[in-house]
PDB file of N, CA and C in Angstrom:
ATOM      1  N   MET A   1     -12.754 -38.840 109.839  1.00  0.00           N
ATOM      2  CA  MET A   1     -12.690 -38.763 111.279  1.00  0.00           C
ATOM      3  C   MET A   1     -12.614 -37.288 111.677  1.00  0.00           C
ATOM      4  N   ARG A   2     -13.316 -36.928 112.705  1.00  0.00           N
ATOM      5  CA  ARG A   2     -13.300 -35.554 113.192  1.00  0.00           C
ATOM      6  C   ARG A   2     -11.995 -35.257 113.914  1.00  0.00           C
ATOM      7  N   SER A   3     -11.736 -33.980 114.105  1.00  0.00           N
ATOM      8  CA  SER A   3     -10.484 -33.573 114.742  1.00  0.00           C
ATOM      9  C   SER A   3     -10.386 -34.102 116.176  1.00  0.00           C
ATOM     10  N   LYS A   4     -11.526 -34.239 116.854  1.00  0.00           N
ATOM     11  CA  LYS A   4     -11.502 -34.751 118.228  1.00  0.00           C
ATOM     12  C   LYS A   4     -11.031 -36.200 118.254  1.00  0.00           C
ATOM     13  N   GLY A   5     -11.505 -37.000 117.311  1.00  0.00           N
ATOM     14  CA  GLY A   5     -11.081 -38.397 117.224  1.00  0.00           C
ATOM     15  C   GLY A   5      -9.609 -38.524 116.885  1.00  0.00           C
ATOM     16  N   ILE A   6      -9.149 -37.685 115.956  1.00  0.00           N
ATOM     17  CA  ILE A   6      -7.735 -37.707 115.581  1.00  0.00           C
ATOM     18  C   ILE A   6      -6.880 -37.260 116.757  1.00  0.00           C
ATOM     19  N   PHE A   7      -7.352 -36.262 117.501  1.00  0.00           N
ATOM     20  CA  PHE A   7      -6.627 -35.777 118.672  1.00  0.00           C
ATOM     21  C   PHE A   7      -6.479 -36.885 119.711  1.00  0.00           C
ATOM     22  N   ILE A   8      -7.541 -37.631 119.960  1.00  0.00           N
ATOM     23  CA  ILE A   8      -7.492 -38.742 120.925  1.00  0.00           C
ATOM     24  C   ILE A   8      -6.529 -39.820 120.440  1.00  0.00           C
ATOM     25  N   LEU A   9      -6.572 -40.123 119.150  1.00  0.00           N
ATOM     26  CA  LEU A   9      -5.653 -41.099 118.573  1.00  0.00           C
ATOM     27  C   LEU A   9      -4.202 -40.642 118.724  1.00  0.00           C
ATOM     28  N   ALA A  10      -3.949 -39.365 118.477  1.00  0.00           N
ATOM     29  CA  ALA A  10      -2.591 -38.828 118.591  1.00  0.00           C
ATOM     30  C   ALA A  10      -2.072 -38.934 120.018  1.00  0.00           C
ATOM     31  N   ILE A  11      -2.899 -38.577 120.983  1.00  0.00           N
ATOM     32  CA  ILE A  11      -2.489 -38.663 122.388  1.00  0.00           C
ATOM     33  C   ILE A  11      -2.201 -40.112 122.760  1.00  0.00           C
ATOM     34  N   THR A  12      -3.027 -41.036 122.278  1.00  0.00           N
ATOM     35  CA  THR A  12      -2.804 -42.457 122.549  1.00  0.00           C
ATOM     36  C   THR A  12      -1.468 -42.909 121.993  1.00  0.00           C
ATOM     37  N   TRP A  13      -1.162 -42.516 120.764  1.00  0.00           N
ATOM     38  CA  TRP A  13       0.108 -42.911 120.148  1.00  0.00           C
ATOM     39  C   TRP A  13       1.290 -42.346 120.923  1.00  0.00           C
ATOM     40  N   ILE A  14       1.198 -41.075 121.330  1.00  0.00           N
ATOM     41  CA  ILE A  14       2.303 -40.445 122.056  1.00  0.00           C
ATOM     42  C   ILE A  14       2.482 -41.085 123.426  1.00  0.00           C
ATOM     43  N   VAL A  15       1.375 -41.380 124.108  1.00  0.00           N
ATOM     44  CA  VAL A  15       1.454 -41.983 125.443  1.00  0.00           C
ATOM     45  C   VAL A  15       1.980 -43.418 125.378  1.00  0.00           C
ATOM     46  N   MET A  16       1.609 -44.158 124.341  1.00  0.00           N
ATOM     47  CA  MET A  16       2.024 -45.558 124.231  1.00  0.00           C
ATOM     48  C   MET A  16       3.455 -45.732 123.725  1.00  0.00           C
ATOM     49  N   SER A  17       4.031 -44.719 123.085  1.00  0.00           N
ATOM     50  CA  SER A  17       5.376 -44.876 122.515  1.00  0.00           C
ATOM     51  C   SER A  17       6.449 -45.208 123.558  1.00  0.00           C
ATOM     52  N   PRO A  18       6.417 -44.658 124.784  1.00  0.00           N
ATOM     53  CA  PRO A  18       7.450 -45.047 125.756  1.00  0.00           C
ATOM     54  C   PRO A  18       7.429 -46.534 126.115  1.00  0.00           C
ATOM     55  N   PHE A  19       6.268 -47.167 126.008  1.00  0.00           N
ATOM     56  CA  PHE A  19       6.205 -48.599 126.303  1.00  0.00           C
ATOM     57  C   PHE A  19       7.010 -49.408 125.292  1.00  0.00           C
ATOM     58  N   TRP A  20       7.043 -48.942 124.040  1.00  0.00           N
ATOM     59  CA  TRP A  20       7.860 -49.630 123.040  1.00  0.00           C
ATOM     60  C   TRP A  20       9.342 -49.452 123.356  1.00  0.00           C
ATOM     61  N   PHE A  21       9.733 -48.259 123.813  1.00  0.00           N
ATOM     62  CA  PHE A  21      11.127 -48.049 124.214  1.00  0.00           C
ATOM     63  C   PHE A  21      11.470 -48.945 125.399  1.00  0.00           C
ATOM     64  N   TRP A  22      10.529 -49.053 126.335  1.00  0.00           N
ATOM     65  CA  TRP A  22      10.738 -49.880 127.526  1.00  0.00           C
ATOM     66  C   TRP A  22      10.859 -51.350 127.146  1.00  0.00           C
ATOM     67  N   ALA A  23      10.132 -51.774 126.122  1.00  0.00           N
ATOM     68  CA  ALA A  23      10.187 -53.156 125.647  1.00  0.00           C
ATOM     69  C   ALA A  23      11.395 -53.392 124.740  1.00  0.00           C
ATOM     70  N   GLU A  24      12.278 -52.415 124.679  1.00  0.00           N
ATOM     71  CA  GLU A  24      13.523 -52.474 123.905  1.00  0.00           C
ATOM     72  C   GLU A  24      13.278 -52.634 122.413  1.00  0.00           C
ATOM     73  N   ASN A  25      12.194 -52.071 121.935  1.00  0.00           N
ATOM     74  CA  ASN A  25      11.926 -52.033 120.503  1.00  0.00           C
ATOM     75  C   ASN A  25      11.934 -50.563 120.092  1.00  0.00           C
ATOM     76  N   ILE A  26      13.136 -50.028 119.928  1.00  0.00           N
ATOM     77  CA  ILE A  26      13.318 -48.597 119.703  1.00  0.00           C
ATOM     78  C   ILE A  26      12.692 -48.150 118.384  1.00  0.00           C
ATOM     79  N   ALA A  27      12.796 -48.973 117.353  1.00  0.00           N
ATOM     80  CA  ALA A  27      12.247 -48.586 116.048  1.00  0.00           C
ATOM     81  C   ALA A  27      10.740 -48.356 116.134  1.00  0.00           C
ATOM     82  N   LEU A  28      10.018 -49.268 116.772  1.00  0.00           N
ATOM     83  CA  LEU A  28       8.567 -49.090 116.917  1.00  0.00           C
ATOM     84  C   LEU A  28       8.241 -47.898 117.811  1.00  0.00           C
ATOM     85  N   GLY A  29       9.043 -47.670 118.828  1.00  0.00           N
ATOM     86  CA  GLY A  29       8.833 -46.513 119.696  1.00  0.00           C
ATOM     87  C   GLY A  29       8.954 -45.214 118.929  1.00  0.00           C
ATOM     88  N   ILE A  30       9.960 -45.131 118.066  1.00  0.00           N
ATOM     89  CA  ILE A  30      10.150 -43.923 117.263  1.00  0.00           C
ATOM     90  C   ILE A  30       9.004 -43.759 116.271  1.00  0.00           C
ATOM     91  N   ILE A  31       8.584 -44.853 115.654  1.00  0.00           N
ATOM     92  CA  ILE A  31       7.471 -44.789 114.695  1.00  0.00           C
ATOM     93  C   ILE A  31       6.197 -44.325 115.391  1.00  0.00           C
ATOM     94  N   TRP A  32       5.897 -44.877 116.562  1.00  0.00           N
ATOM     95  CA  TRP A  32       4.692 -44.479 117.300  1.00  0.00           C
ATOM     96  C   TRP A  32       4.772 -43.018 117.728  1.00  0.00           C
ATOM     97  N   LEU A  33       5.947 -42.582 118.175  1.00  0.00           N
ATOM     98  CA  LEU A  33       6.105 -41.197 118.608  1.00  0.00           C
ATOM     99  C   LEU A  33       5.932 -40.243 117.431  1.00  0.00           C
ATOM    100  N   CYS A  34       6.569 -40.539 116.312  1.00  0.00           N
ATOM    101  CA  CYS A  34       6.429 -39.695 115.114  1.00  0.00           C
ATOM    102  C   CYS A  34       4.993 -39.705 114.603  1.00  0.00           C
ATOM    103  N   GLY A  35       4.378 -40.876 114.601  1.00  0.00           N
ATOM    104  CA  GLY A  35       2.984 -40.971 114.176  1.00  0.00           C
ATOM    105  C   GLY A  35       2.066 -40.142 115.055  1.00  0.00           C
ATOM    106  N   GLY A  36       2.310 -40.166 116.347  1.00  0.00           N
ATOM    107  CA  GLY A  36       1.501 -39.376 117.273  1.00  0.00           C
ATOM    108  C   GLY A  36       1.660 -37.888 117.054  1.00  0.00           C
ATOM    109  N   VAL A  37       2.889 -37.453 116.813  1.00  0.00           N
ATOM    110  CA  VAL A  37       3.137 -36.030 116.569  1.00  0.00           C
ATOM    111  C   VAL A  37       2.473 -35.593 115.263  1.00  0.00           C
ATOM    112  N   ILE A  38       2.576 -36.423 114.235  1.00  0.00           N
ATOM    113  CA  ILE A  38       1.944 -36.098 112.952  1.00  0.00           C
ATOM    114  C   ILE A  38       0.425 -36.041 113.103  1.00  0.00           C
ATOM    115  N   GLU A  39      -0.148 -37.009 113.793  1.00  0.00           N
ATOM    116  CA  GLU A  39      -1.599 -37.018 114.014  1.00  0.00           C
ATOM    117  C   GLU A  39      -2.041 -35.797 114.817  1.00  0.00           C
ATOM    118  N   LEU A  40      -1.250 -35.407 115.807  1.00  0.00           N
ATOM    119  CA  LEU A  40      -1.574 -34.230 116.605  1.00  0.00           C
ATOM    120  C   LEU A  40      -1.577 -32.980 115.734  1.00  0.00           C
ATOM    121  N   PHE A  41      -0.593 -32.855 114.858  1.00  0.00           N
ATOM    122  CA  PHE A  41      -0.525 -31.719 113.942  1.00  0.00           C
ATOM    123  C   PHE A  41      -1.749 -31.695 113.026  1.00  0.00           C
ATOM    124  N   ILE A  42      -2.118 -32.849 112.482  1.00  0.00           N
ATOM    125  CA  ILE A  42      -3.288 -32.934 111.600  1.00  0.00           C
ATOM    126  C   ILE A  42      -4.559 -32.541 112.355  1.00  0.00           C
ATOM    127  N   ALA A  43      -4.695 -33.013 113.594  1.00  0.00           N
ATOM    128  CA  ALA A  43      -5.883 -32.688 114.392  1.00  0.00           C
ATOM    129  C   ALA A  43      -5.974 -31.192 114.661  1.00  0.00           C
ATOM    130  N   LEU A  44      -4.843 -30.570 114.967  1.00  0.00           N
ATOM    131  CA  LEU A  44      -4.861 -29.131 115.244  1.00  0.00           C
ATOM    132  C   LEU A  44      -5.190 -28.329 113.988  1.00  0.00           C
ATOM    133  N   VAL A  45      -4.679 -28.748 112.841  1.00  0.00           N
ATOM    134  CA  VAL A  45      -4.992 -28.056 111.587  1.00  0.00           C
ATOM    135  C   VAL A  45      -6.473 -28.199 111.262  1.00  0.00           C
ATOM    136  N   ARG A  46      -7.009 -29.409 111.391  1.00  0.00           N
ATOM    137  CA  ARG A  46      -8.437 -29.622 111.104  1.00  0.00           C
ATOM    138  C   ARG A  46      -9.316 -28.851 112.075  1.00  0.00           C
ATOM    139  N   ARG A  47      -8.882 -28.783 113.322  1.00  0.00           N
ATOM    140  CA  ARG A  47      -9.681 -28.070 114.322  1.00  0.00           C
ATOM    141  C   ARG A  47      -9.743 -26.579 114.000  1.00  0.00           C
ATOM    142  N   SER A  48      -8.609 -26.020 113.578  1.00  0.00           N
ATOM    143  CA  SER A  48      -8.611 -24.595 113.238  1.00  0.00           C
ATOM    144  C   SER A  48      -9.458 -24.333 111.991  1.00  0.00           C
ATOM    145  N   LYS A  49      -9.453 -25.264 111.033  1.00  0.00           N
ATOM    146  CA  LYS A  49     -10.293 -25.114 109.842  1.00  0.00           C
ATOM    147  C   LYS A  49     -11.767 -25.220 110.199  1.00  0.00           C
ATOM    148  N   GLU A  50     -12.108 -26.115 111.149  1.00  0.00           N
ATOM    149  CA  GLU A  50     -13.502 -26.259 111.577  1.00  0.00           C
ATOM    150  C   GLU A  50     -13.985 -24.988 112.268  1.00  0.00           C
ATOM    151  N   LYS A  51     -13.126 -24.369 113.062  1.00  0.00           N
ATOM    152  CA  LYS A  51     -13.515 -23.141 113.761  1.00  0.00           C
ATOM    153  C   LYS A  51     -13.681 -21.983 112.784  1.00  0.00           C
ATOM    154  N   LYS A  52     -12.828 -21.922 111.759  1.00  0.00           N
ATOM    155  CA  LYS A  52     -12.920 -20.840 110.779  1.00  0.00           C
ATOM    156  C   LYS A  52     -14.175 -20.963 109.928  1.00  0.00           C
ATOM    157  N   SER A  53     -14.615 -22.181 109.671  1.00  0.00           N
ATOM    158  CA  SER A  53     -15.781 -22.378 108.809  1.00  0.00           C
ATOM    159  C   SER A  53     -17.099 -22.090 109.526  1.00  0.00           C
ATOM    160  N   LYS A  54     -17.090 -21.985 110.831  1.00  0.00           N
ATOM    161  CA  LYS A  54     -18.331 -21.725 111.588  1.00  0.00           C
ATOM    162  C   LYS A  54     -18.694 -20.274 111.577  1.00  0.00           C
TER     163      LYS A  54
END
């Protein structure tokens, strides 16, 4: 997956995590939030590598 796709996935995970907190499922909310942050980090690293290789 390209960095743009991973970035979109990360934003989706971060945006959707509050809904899990609202649904009183704190564990899933934390997992989604952490997953989104990790995906965002991966997307930014891949994006910087793509720019350096050009």
